[in-house]
Amino acid sequence: MNSNVEERVLAIVARTLRLPVESVTKEQSFEDLKADSLDATNIVFQVEDEFAMRVPDHDMMRLRTVRNLVDCIEQRIRAQSAAS
């Protein structure tokens, strides 16, 4: 896993949920973090801005954990790299 992507995603999740970054791990679910649907949407918007990409709706529906989000972003980055 690209630690830079992971660190950036963890920072976005922590900032959006107003949590200390050290309290957020990639193993946590968004439910564990007490994120509601609005929080989850805001996290995805922030991630899209940070990485200059769009997370398709079908991918958003599968995001249950921070790890899922990190994996999704890494897959999109690899796909963009392969396409260029």
PDB file of N, CA and C in Angstrom:
ATOM      1  N   MET A   1       0.839  -1.175   0.000  1.00  0.00           N
ATOM      2  CA  MET A   1       0.000   0.000   0.000  1.00  0.00           C
ATOM      3  C   MET A   1       0.885   1.240   0.000  1.00  0.00           C
ATOM      4  N   ASN A   2       0.549   2.197  -0.815  1.00  0.00           N
ATOM      5  CA  ASN A   2       1.300   3.435  -0.905  1.00  0.00           C
ATOM      6  C   ASN A   2       1.055   4.246   0.368  1.00  0.00           C
ATOM      7  N   SER A   3       2.098   4.393   1.173  1.00  0.00           N
ATOM      8  CA  SER A   3       1.928   5.063   2.467  1.00  0.00           C
ATOM      9  C   SER A   3       1.520   6.524   2.306  1.00  0.00           C
ATOM     10  N   ASN A   4       1.938   7.169   1.217  1.00  0.00           N
ATOM     11  CA  ASN A   4       1.547   8.548   0.988  1.00  0.00           C
ATOM     12  C   ASN A   4       0.038   8.649   0.791  1.00  0.00           C
ATOM     13  N   VAL A   5      -0.526   7.756   0.010  1.00  0.00           N
ATOM     14  CA  VAL A   5      -1.981   7.749  -0.198  1.00  0.00           C
ATOM     15  C   VAL A   5      -2.670   7.476   1.133  1.00  0.00           C
ATOM     16  N   GLU A   6      -2.193   6.477   1.837  1.00  0.00           N
ATOM     17  CA  GLU A   6      -2.783   6.117   3.127  1.00  0.00           C
ATOM     18  C   GLU A   6      -2.747   7.298   4.090  1.00  0.00           C
ATOM     19  N   GLU A   7      -1.608   7.944   4.222  1.00  0.00           N
ATOM     20  CA  GLU A   7      -1.478   9.084   5.133  1.00  0.00           C
ATOM     21  C   GLU A   7      -2.428  10.206   4.754  1.00  0.00           C
ATOM     22  N   ARG A   8      -2.526  10.484   3.474  1.00  0.00           N
ATOM     23  CA  ARG A   8      -3.400  11.563   3.016  1.00  0.00           C
ATOM     24  C   ARG A   8      -4.870  11.235   3.285  1.00  0.00           C
ATOM     25  N   VAL A   9      -5.262   9.981   3.046  1.00  0.00           N
ATOM     26  CA  VAL A   9      -6.647   9.576   3.302  1.00  0.00           C
ATOM     27  C   VAL A   9      -6.943   9.625   4.802  1.00  0.00           C
ATOM     28  N   LEU A  10      -6.032   9.106   5.619  1.00  0.00           N
ATOM     29  CA  LEU A  10      -6.236   9.155   7.067  1.00  0.00           C
ATOM     30  C   LEU A  10      -6.396  10.602   7.546  1.00  0.00           C
ATOM     31  N   ALA A  11      -5.596  11.490   7.000  1.00  0.00           N
ATOM     32  CA  ALA A  11      -5.678  12.905   7.387  1.00  0.00           C
ATOM     33  C   ALA A  11      -7.031  13.505   6.989  1.00  0.00           C
ATOM     34  N   ILE A  12      -7.522  13.155   5.812  1.00  0.00           N
ATOM     35  CA  ILE A  12      -8.820  13.663   5.356  1.00  0.00           C
ATOM     36  C   ILE A  12      -9.936  13.146   6.252  1.00  0.00           C
ATOM     37  N   VAL A  13      -9.910  11.851   6.551  1.00  0.00           N
ATOM     38  CA  VAL A  13     -10.939  11.264   7.417  1.00  0.00           C
ATOM     39  C   VAL A  13     -10.908  11.941   8.788  1.00  0.00           C
ATOM     40  N   ALA A  14      -9.731  12.076   9.355  1.00  0.00           N
ATOM     41  CA  ALA A  14      -9.608  12.699  10.679  1.00  0.00           C
ATOM     42  C   ALA A  14     -10.100  14.147  10.653  1.00  0.00           C
ATOM     43  N   ARG A  15      -9.663  14.895   9.660  1.00  0.00           N
ATOM     44  CA  ARG A  15     -10.060  16.302   9.565  1.00  0.00           C
ATOM     45  C   ARG A  15     -11.577  16.433   9.391  1.00  0.00           C
ATOM     46  N   THR A  16     -12.150  15.629   8.523  1.00  0.00           N
ATOM     47  CA  THR A  16     -13.586  15.713   8.250  1.00  0.00           C
ATOM     48  C   THR A  16     -14.415  15.341   9.472  1.00  0.00           C
ATOM     49  N   LEU A  17     -13.946  14.329  10.201  1.00  0.00           N
ATOM     50  CA  LEU A  17     -14.683  13.877  11.387  1.00  0.00           C
ATOM     51  C   LEU A  17     -14.253  14.584  12.665  1.00  0.00           C
ATOM     52  N   ARG A  18     -13.310  15.514  12.517  1.00  0.00           N
ATOM     53  CA  ARG A  18     -12.791  16.289  13.652  1.00  0.00           C
ATOM     54  C   ARG A  18     -12.227  15.370  14.737  1.00  0.00           C
ATOM     55  N   LEU A  19     -11.357  14.474  14.293  1.00  0.00           N
ATOM     56  CA  LEU A  19     -10.694  13.529  15.192  1.00  0.00           C
ATOM     57  C   LEU A  19      -9.189  13.722  15.097  1.00  0.00           C
ATOM     58  N   PRO A  20      -8.461  13.375  16.149  1.00  0.00           N
ATOM     59  CA  PRO A  20      -6.999  13.389  16.032  1.00  0.00           C
ATOM     60  C   PRO A  20      -6.580  12.325  15.001  1.00  0.00           C
ATOM     61  N   VAL A  21      -5.669  12.681  14.124  1.00  0.00           N
ATOM     62  CA  VAL A  21      -5.271  11.765  13.053  1.00  0.00           C
ATOM     63  C   VAL A  21      -4.735  10.452  13.614  1.00  0.00           C
ATOM     64  N   GLU A  22      -4.112  10.506  14.783  1.00  0.00           N
ATOM     65  CA  GLU A  22      -3.558   9.268  15.345  1.00  0.00           C
ATOM     66  C   GLU A  22      -4.644   8.317  15.855  1.00  0.00           C
ATOM     67  N   SER A  23      -5.868   8.806  15.957  1.00  0.00           N
ATOM     68  CA  SER A  23      -6.962   7.944  16.415  1.00  0.00           C
ATOM     69  C   SER A  23      -7.672   7.224  15.268  1.00  0.00           C
ATOM     70  N   VAL A  24      -7.280   7.528  14.033  1.00  0.00           N
ATOM     71  CA  VAL A  24      -7.909   6.917  12.861  1.00  0.00           C
ATOM     72  C   VAL A  24      -6.951   5.879  12.273  1.00  0.00           C
ATOM     73  N   THR A  25      -7.465   4.663  12.081  1.00  0.00           N
ATOM     74  CA  THR A  25      -6.662   3.614  11.456  1.00  0.00           C
ATOM     75  C   THR A  25      -7.379   3.101  10.221  1.00  0.00           C
ATOM     76  N   LYS A  26      -6.614   2.477   9.349  1.00  0.00           N
ATOM     77  CA  LYS A  26      -7.220   1.972   8.108  1.00  0.00           C
ATOM     78  C   LYS A  26      -8.123   0.778   8.360  1.00  0.00           C
ATOM     79  N   GLU A  27      -8.012   0.160   9.514  1.00  0.00           N
ATOM     80  CA  GLU A  27      -8.849  -1.008   9.843  1.00  0.00           C
ATOM     81  C   GLU A  27     -10.238  -0.621  10.329  1.00  0.00           C
ATOM     82  N   GLN A  28     -10.438   0.636  10.669  1.00  0.00           N
ATOM     83  CA  GLN A  28     -11.723   1.059  11.218  1.00  0.00           C
ATOM     84  C   GLN A  28     -12.777   1.197  10.128  1.00  0.00           C
ATOM     85  N   SER A  29     -13.997   0.862  10.507  1.00  0.00           N
ATOM     86  CA  SER A  29     -15.115   1.116   9.598  1.00  0.00           C
ATOM     87  C   SER A  29     -15.571   2.555   9.827  1.00  0.00           C
ATOM     88  N   PHE A  30     -16.294   3.079   8.845  1.00  0.00           N
ATOM     89  CA  PHE A  30     -16.831   4.424   9.021  1.00  0.00           C
ATOM     90  C   PHE A  30     -17.890   4.418  10.127  1.00  0.00           C
ATOM     91  N   GLU A  31     -18.540   3.288  10.319  1.00  0.00           N
ATOM     92  CA  GLU A  31     -19.487   3.148  11.418  1.00  0.00           C
ATOM     93  C   GLU A  31     -18.757   3.247  12.760  1.00  0.00           C
ATOM     94  N   ASP A  32     -17.594   2.570  12.867  1.00  0.00           N
ATOM     95  CA  ASP A  32     -16.785   2.654  14.095  1.00  0.00           C
ATOM     96  C   ASP A  32     -16.405   4.099  14.408  1.00  0.00           C
ATOM     97  N   LEU A  33     -16.177   4.864  13.355  1.00  0.00           N
ATOM     98  CA  LEU A  33     -15.759   6.252  13.512  1.00  0.00           C
ATOM     99  C   LEU A  33     -16.942   7.196  13.718  1.00  0.00           C
ATOM    100  N   LYS A  34     -18.140   6.627  13.775  1.00  0.00           N
ATOM    101  CA  LYS A  34     -19.376   7.393  13.984  1.00  0.00           C
ATOM    102  C   LYS A  34     -19.660   8.359  12.835  1.00  0.00           C
ATOM    103  N   ALA A  35     -19.253   7.957  11.615  1.00  0.00           N
ATOM    104  CA  ALA A  35     -19.505   8.780  10.438  1.00  0.00           C
ATOM    105  C   ALA A  35     -20.898   8.461   9.902  1.00  0.00           C
ATOM    106  N   ASP A  36     -21.693   9.497   9.725  1.00  0.00           N
ATOM    107  CA  ASP A  36     -23.006   9.282   9.119  1.00  0.00           C
ATOM    108  C   ASP A  36     -22.878   9.436   7.603  1.00  0.00           C
ATOM    109  N   SER A  37     -23.976   9.341   6.889  1.00  0.00           N
ATOM    110  CA  SER A  37     -23.915   9.386   5.424  1.00  0.00           C
ATOM    111  C   SER A  37     -23.413  10.736   4.904  1.00  0.00           C
ATOM    112  N   LEU A  38     -23.743  11.800   5.585  1.00  0.00           N
ATOM    113  CA  LEU A  38     -23.237  13.119   5.182  1.00  0.00           C
ATOM    114  C   LEU A  38     -21.726  13.195   5.372  1.00  0.00           C
ATOM    115  N   ASP A  39     -21.237  12.676   6.505  1.00  0.00           N
ATOM    116  CA  ASP A  39     -19.794  12.636   6.747  1.00  0.00           C
ATOM    117  C   ASP A  39     -19.097  11.828   5.647  1.00  0.00           C
ATOM    118  N   ALA A  40     -19.656  10.662   5.328  1.00  0.00           N
ATOM    119  CA  ALA A  40     -19.050   9.804   4.306  1.00  0.00           C
ATOM    120  C   ALA A  40     -18.999  10.508   2.955  1.00  0.00           C
ATOM    121  N   THR A  41     -20.065  11.206   2.620  1.00  0.00           N
ATOM    122  CA  THR A  41     -20.100  11.960   1.365  1.00  0.00           C
ATOM    123  C   THR A  41     -19.044  13.058   1.373  1.00  0.00           C
ATOM    124  N   ASN A  42     -18.929  13.767   2.479  1.00  0.00           N
ATOM    125  CA  ASN A  42     -17.915  14.822   2.589  1.00  0.00           C
ATOM    126  C   ASN A  42     -16.499  14.258   2.494  1.00  0.00           C
ATOM    127  N   ILE A  43     -16.278  13.101   3.091  1.00  0.00           N
ATOM    128  CA  ILE A  43     -14.967  12.460   3.003  1.00  0.00           C
ATOM    129  C   ILE A  43     -14.644  12.138   1.547  1.00  0.00           C
ATOM    130  N   VAL A  44     -15.599  11.577   0.846  1.00  0.00           N
ATOM    131  CA  VAL A  44     -15.365  11.237  -0.572  1.00  0.00           C
ATOM    132  C   VAL A  44     -15.096  12.503  -1.376  1.00  0.00           C
ATOM    133  N   PHE A  45     -15.854  13.568  -1.155  1.00  0.00           N
ATOM    134  CA  PHE A  45     -15.611  14.827  -1.874  1.00  0.00           C
ATOM    135  C   PHE A  45     -14.206  15.351  -1.597  1.00  0.00           C
ATOM    136  N   GLN A  46     -13.782  15.299  -0.345  1.00  0.00           N
ATOM    137  CA  GLN A  46     -12.438  15.765   0.011  1.00  0.00           C
ATOM    138  C   GLN A  46     -11.365  14.912  -0.660  1.00  0.00           C
ATOM    139  N   VAL A  47     -11.585  13.604  -0.678  1.00  0.00           N
ATOM    140  CA  VAL A  47     -10.635  12.690  -1.326  1.00  0.00           C
ATOM    141  C   VAL A  47     -10.574  12.981  -2.823  1.00  0.00           C
ATOM    142  N   GLU A  48     -11.730  13.186  -3.439  1.00  0.00           N
ATOM    143  CA  GLU A  48     -11.752  13.500  -4.874  1.00  0.00           C
ATOM    144  C   GLU A  48     -10.964  14.777  -5.163  1.00  0.00           C
ATOM    145  N   ASP A  49     -11.133  15.785  -4.321  1.00  0.00           N
ATOM    146  CA  ASP A  49     -10.381  17.035  -4.489  1.00  0.00           C
ATOM    147  C   ASP A  49      -8.885  16.811  -4.283  1.00  0.00           C
ATOM    148  N   GLU A  50      -8.534  16.101  -3.232  1.00  0.00           N
ATOM    149  CA  GLU A  50      -7.126  15.861  -2.885  1.00  0.00           C
ATOM    150  C   GLU A  50      -6.385  15.113  -3.992  1.00  0.00           C
ATOM    151  N   PHE A  51      -7.040  14.123  -4.582  1.00  0.00           N
ATOM    152  CA  PHE A  51      -6.381  13.283  -5.570  1.00  0.00           C
ATOM    153  C   PHE A  51      -6.779  13.606  -7.010  1.00  0.00           C
ATOM    154  N   ALA A  52      -7.568  14.661  -7.186  1.00  0.00           N
ATOM    155  CA  ALA A  52      -7.998  15.111  -8.511  1.00  0.00           C
ATOM    156  C   ALA A  52      -8.574  13.954  -9.324  1.00  0.00           C
ATOM    157  N   MET A  53      -9.537  13.276  -8.723  1.00  0.00           N
ATOM    158  CA  MET A  53     -10.183  12.159  -9.400  1.00  0.00           C
ATOM    159  C   MET A  53     -11.620  12.054  -8.917  1.00  0.00           C
ATOM    160  N   ARG A  54     -12.376  11.263  -9.640  1.00  0.00           N
ATOM    161  CA  ARG A  54     -13.765  11.019  -9.263  1.00  0.00           C
ATOM    162  C   ARG A  54     -13.897   9.587  -8.776  1.00  0.00           C
ATOM    163  N   VAL A  55     -14.584   9.403  -7.661  1.00  0.00           N
ATOM    164  CA  VAL A  55     -14.887   8.063  -7.147  1.00  0.00           C
ATOM    165  C   VAL A  55     -16.290   7.724  -7.663  1.00  0.00           C
ATOM    166  N   PRO A  56     -16.393   6.734  -8.551  1.00  0.00           N
ATOM    167  CA  PRO A  56     -17.707   6.382  -9.106  1.00  0.00           C
ATOM    168  C   PRO A  56     -18.686   5.944  -8.006  1.00  0.00           C
ATOM    169  N   ASP A  57     -19.964   6.182  -8.265  1.00  0.00           N
ATOM    170  CA  ASP A  57     -20.998   5.836  -7.292  1.00  0.00           C
ATOM    171  C   ASP A  57     -20.953   4.364  -6.912  1.00  0.00           C
ATOM    172  N   HIS A  58     -20.701   3.483  -7.877  1.00  0.00           N
ATOM    173  CA  HIS A  58     -20.677   2.048  -7.559  1.00  0.00           C
ATOM    174  C   HIS A  58     -19.519   1.717  -6.610  1.00  0.00           C
ATOM    175  N   ASP A  59     -18.419   2.471  -6.672  1.00  0.00           N
ATOM    176  CA  ASP A  59     -17.325   2.282  -5.716  1.00  0.00           C
ATOM    177  C   ASP A  59     -17.692   2.855  -4.347  1.00  0.00           C
ATOM    178  N   MET A  60     -18.382   4.003  -4.349  1.00  0.00           N
ATOM    179  CA  MET A  60     -18.754   4.641  -3.082  1.00  0.00           C
ATOM    180  C   MET A  60     -19.653   3.726  -2.260  1.00  0.00           C
ATOM    181  N   MET A  61     -20.498   2.972  -2.917  1.00  0.00           N
ATOM    182  CA  MET A  61     -21.430   2.090  -2.216  1.00  0.00           C
ATOM    183  C   MET A  61     -20.712   0.953  -1.485  1.00  0.00           C
ATOM    184  N   ARG A  62     -19.482   0.641  -1.904  1.00  0.00           N
ATOM    185  CA  ARG A  62     -18.726  -0.463  -1.295  1.00  0.00           C
ATOM    186  C   ARG A  62     -17.761   0.007  -0.205  1.00  0.00           C
ATOM    187  N   LEU A  63     -17.698   1.276   0.042  1.00  0.00           N
ATOM    188  CA  LEU A  63     -16.744   1.809   1.016  1.00  0.00           C
ATOM    189  C   LEU A  63     -17.297   1.663   2.432  1.00  0.00           C
ATOM    190  N   ARG A  64     -16.778   0.690   3.140  1.00  0.00           N
ATOM    191  CA  ARG A  64     -17.216   0.440   4.515  1.00  0.00           C
ATOM    192  C   ARG A  64     -16.122   0.770   5.529  1.00  0.00           C
ATOM    193  N   THR A  65     -14.872   0.654   5.107  1.00  0.00           N
ATOM    194  CA  THR A  65     -13.739   0.908   6.004  1.00  0.00           C
ATOM    195  C   THR A  65     -12.800   1.922   5.379  1.00  0.00           C
ATOM    196  N   VAL A  66     -11.928   2.444   6.208  1.00  0.00           N
ATOM    197  CA  VAL A  66     -10.907   3.361   5.703  1.00  0.00           C
ATOM    198  C   VAL A  66     -10.009   2.615   4.711  1.00  0.00           C
ATOM    199  N   ARG A  67      -9.711   1.344   4.997  1.00  0.00           N
ATOM    200  CA  ARG A  67      -8.905   0.547   4.069  1.00  0.00           C
ATOM    201  C   ARG A  67      -9.581   0.451   2.699  1.00  0.00           C
ATOM    202  N   ASN A  68     -10.902   0.258   2.663  1.00  0.00           N
ATOM    203  CA  ASN A  68     -11.625   0.209   1.386  1.00  0.00           C
ATOM    204  C   ASN A  68     -11.401   1.493   0.598  1.00  0.00           C
ATOM    205  N   LEU A  69     -11.435   2.616   1.295  1.00  0.00           N
ATOM    206  CA  LEU A  69     -11.249   3.907   0.633  1.00  0.00           C
ATOM    207  C   LEU A  69      -9.826   4.042   0.106  1.00  0.00           C
ATOM    208  N   VAL A  70      -8.848   3.681   0.915  1.00  0.00           N
ATOM    209  CA  VAL A  70      -7.449   3.745   0.476  1.00  0.00           C
ATOM    210  C   VAL A  70      -7.241   2.836  -0.738  1.00  0.00           C
ATOM    211  N   ASP A  71      -7.755   1.616  -0.672  1.00  0.00           N
ATOM    212  CA  ASP A  71      -7.611   0.677  -1.789  1.00  0.00           C
ATOM    213  C   ASP A  71      -8.275   1.214  -3.053  1.00  0.00           C
ATOM    214  N   CYS A  72      -9.443   1.803  -2.903  1.00  0.00           N
ATOM    215  CA  CYS A  72     -10.158   2.379  -4.039  1.00  0.00           C
ATOM    216  C   CYS A  72      -9.324   3.473  -4.704  1.00  0.00           C
ATOM    217  N   ILE A  73      -8.756   4.364  -3.905  1.00  0.00           N
ATOM    218  CA  ILE A  73      -7.942   5.459  -4.455  1.00  0.00           C
ATOM    219  C   ILE A  73      -6.704   4.901  -5.140  1.00  0.00           C
ATOM    220  N   GLU A  74      -6.055   3.937  -4.517  1.00  0.00           N
ATOM    221  CA  GLU A  74      -4.853   3.350  -5.133  1.00  0.00           C
ATOM    222  C   GLU A  74      -5.192   2.675  -6.460  1.00  0.00           C
ATOM    223  N   GLN A  75      -6.325   1.990  -6.535  1.00  0.00           N
ATOM    224  CA  GLN A  75      -6.740   1.355  -7.786  1.00  0.00           C
ATOM    225  C   GLN A  75      -7.004   2.395  -8.861  1.00  0.00           C
ATOM    226  N   ARG A  76      -7.645   3.490  -8.495  1.00  0.00           N
ATOM    227  CA  ARG A  76      -7.941   4.553  -9.468  1.00  0.00           C
ATOM    228  C   ARG A  76      -6.632   5.187  -9.949  1.00  0.00           C
ATOM    229  N   ILE A  77      -5.667   5.371  -9.047  1.00  0.00           N
ATOM    230  CA  ILE A  77      -4.380   5.949  -9.433  1.00  0.00           C
ATOM    231  C   ILE A  77      -3.669   5.016 -10.416  1.00  0.00           C
ATOM    232  N   ARG A  78      -3.666   3.707 -10.111  1.00  0.00           N
ATOM    233  CA  ARG A  78      -3.039   2.737 -11.029  1.00  0.00           C
ATOM    234  C   ARG A  78      -3.721   2.745 -12.389  1.00  0.00           C
ATOM    235  N   ALA A  79      -5.036   2.826 -12.391  1.00  0.00           N
ATOM    236  CA  ALA A  79      -5.791   2.846 -13.662  1.00  0.00           C
ATOM    237  C   ALA A  79      -5.461   4.093 -14.464  1.00  0.00           C
ATOM    238  N   GLN A  80      -5.351   5.232 -13.783  1.00  0.00           N
ATOM    239  CA  GLN A  80      -5.006   6.479 -14.479  1.00  0.00           C
ATOM    240  C   GLN A  80      -3.594   6.394 -15.053  1.00  0.00           C
ATOM    241  N   SER A  81      -2.656   5.819 -14.280  1.00  0.00           N
ATOM    242  CA  SER A  81      -1.278   5.671 -14.742  1.00  0.00           C
ATOM    243  C   SER A  81      -1.195   4.751 -15.952  1.00  0.00           C
ATOM    244  N   ALA A  82      -1.944   3.668 -15.922  1.00  0.00           N
ATOM    245  CA  ALA A  82      -1.943   2.709 -17.030  1.00  0.00           C
ATOM    246  C   ALA A  82      -2.538   3.311 -18.282  1.00  0.00           C
ATOM    247  N   ALA A  83      -3.513   4.211 -18.112  1.00  0.00           N
ATOM    248  CA  ALA A  83      -4.182   4.819 -19.253  1.00  0.00           C
ATOM    249  C   ALA A  83      -3.329   5.904 -19.919  1.00  0.00           C
ATOM    250  N   SER A  84      -2.346   6.417 -19.197  1.00  0.00           N
ATOM    251  CA  SER A  84      -1.533   7.505 -19.779  1.00  0.00           C
ATOM    252  C   SER A  84      -0.222   7.023 -20.333  1.00  0.00           C
TER     253      SER A  84
END
